[in-house]
Structure formats: C-alpha cells, structure tokens
Amino acid sequence: MDLVHRLLALHFTGKQDKYGSLKAWPAPDLPSGKAWNPPVKGLVPRTIAP
C-alpha cells in the first residue's frame, strides 16, 4: 500500500500507524509557537537531519 492509501485508511478508520513509519512535513505557513495537529493519529513531523 502506498503512502496516500495508508494515510486515507488511517484517517477514516481512526487507527494509529502500527509501524511508526508515517511522517509528514508541517505546513510552511504554520505560525511559530502553534502546535501541529494533523488529523491522522500518530503522524509525526518529519525533520531534516543536521
């Protein structure tokens, strides 16, 4: 299953990613200090490695 299918399935079922491999970029226009709250449970922000 590709990423889009996994995101849709998790969103509509309300389940968390059992593999912990789903990561996404927060929106670039998110005001600083505001918490990122994606609609998919367990989705973690992707970060750039230093």
Protein backbone atom coordinates (compact mmCIF):
# COMPACT_ATOMS: atom_id res chain seq x y z
CA MET A 1 0.00 0.00 0.00
CA ASP A 2 1.47 3.38 -0.87
CA LEU A 3 1.61 6.42 1.41
CA VAL A 4 -1.62 8.03 0.19
CA HIS A 5 -3.59 4.83 0.69
CA ARG A 6 -2.13 4.38 4.18
CA LEU A 7 -2.94 7.97 5.18
CA LEU A 8 -6.52 7.67 3.92
CA ALA A 9 -7.06 4.32 5.61
CA LEU A 10 -5.70 5.59 8.93
CA HIS A 11 -7.73 8.81 8.71
CA PHE A 12 -11.04 7.09 8.03
CA THR A 13 -10.54 4.22 10.49
CA GLY A 14 -9.13 6.44 13.26
CA LYS A 15 -6.33 3.96 13.93
CA GLN A 16 -2.66 4.72 14.52
CA ASP A 17 0.20 3.66 12.25
CA LYS A 18 1.28 0.31 13.71
CA TYR A 19 4.70 0.51 12.05
CA GLY A 20 5.50 4.06 13.14
CA SER A 21 6.80 4.86 9.69
CA LEU A 22 4.39 7.61 8.63
CA LYS A 23 5.96 11.05 8.77
CA ALA A 24 4.90 14.31 7.17
CA TRP A 25 6.04 17.90 6.80
CA PRO A 26 4.08 20.51 8.80
CA ALA A 27 2.58 23.30 6.67
CA PRO A 28 5.12 26.06 5.98
CA ASP A 29 2.66 28.79 6.98
CA LEU A 30 2.08 27.35 10.47
CA PRO A 31 2.60 30.23 12.91
CA SER A 32 5.55 29.77 15.23
CA GLY A 33 4.54 28.58 18.68
CA LYS A 34 1.36 26.92 17.39
CA ALA A 35 1.14 23.16 17.86
CA TRP A 36 0.98 20.99 14.75
CA ASN A 37 -2.17 18.88 14.97
CA PRO A 38 -2.63 16.59 11.95
CA PRO A 39 -5.94 14.71 11.51
CA VAL A 40 -4.19 11.31 11.44
CA LYS A 41 -3.35 9.87 14.88
CA GLY A 42 0.30 9.09 15.46
CA LEU A 43 1.56 11.08 12.47
CA VAL A 44 4.87 12.61 13.45
CA PRO A 45 6.56 15.62 11.85
CA ARG A 46 9.43 14.83 9.52
CA THR A 47 12.62 16.69 10.34
CA ILE A 48 15.74 17.47 8.38
CA ALA A 49 18.80 15.68 9.73
CA PRO A 50 21.57 18.07 10.84
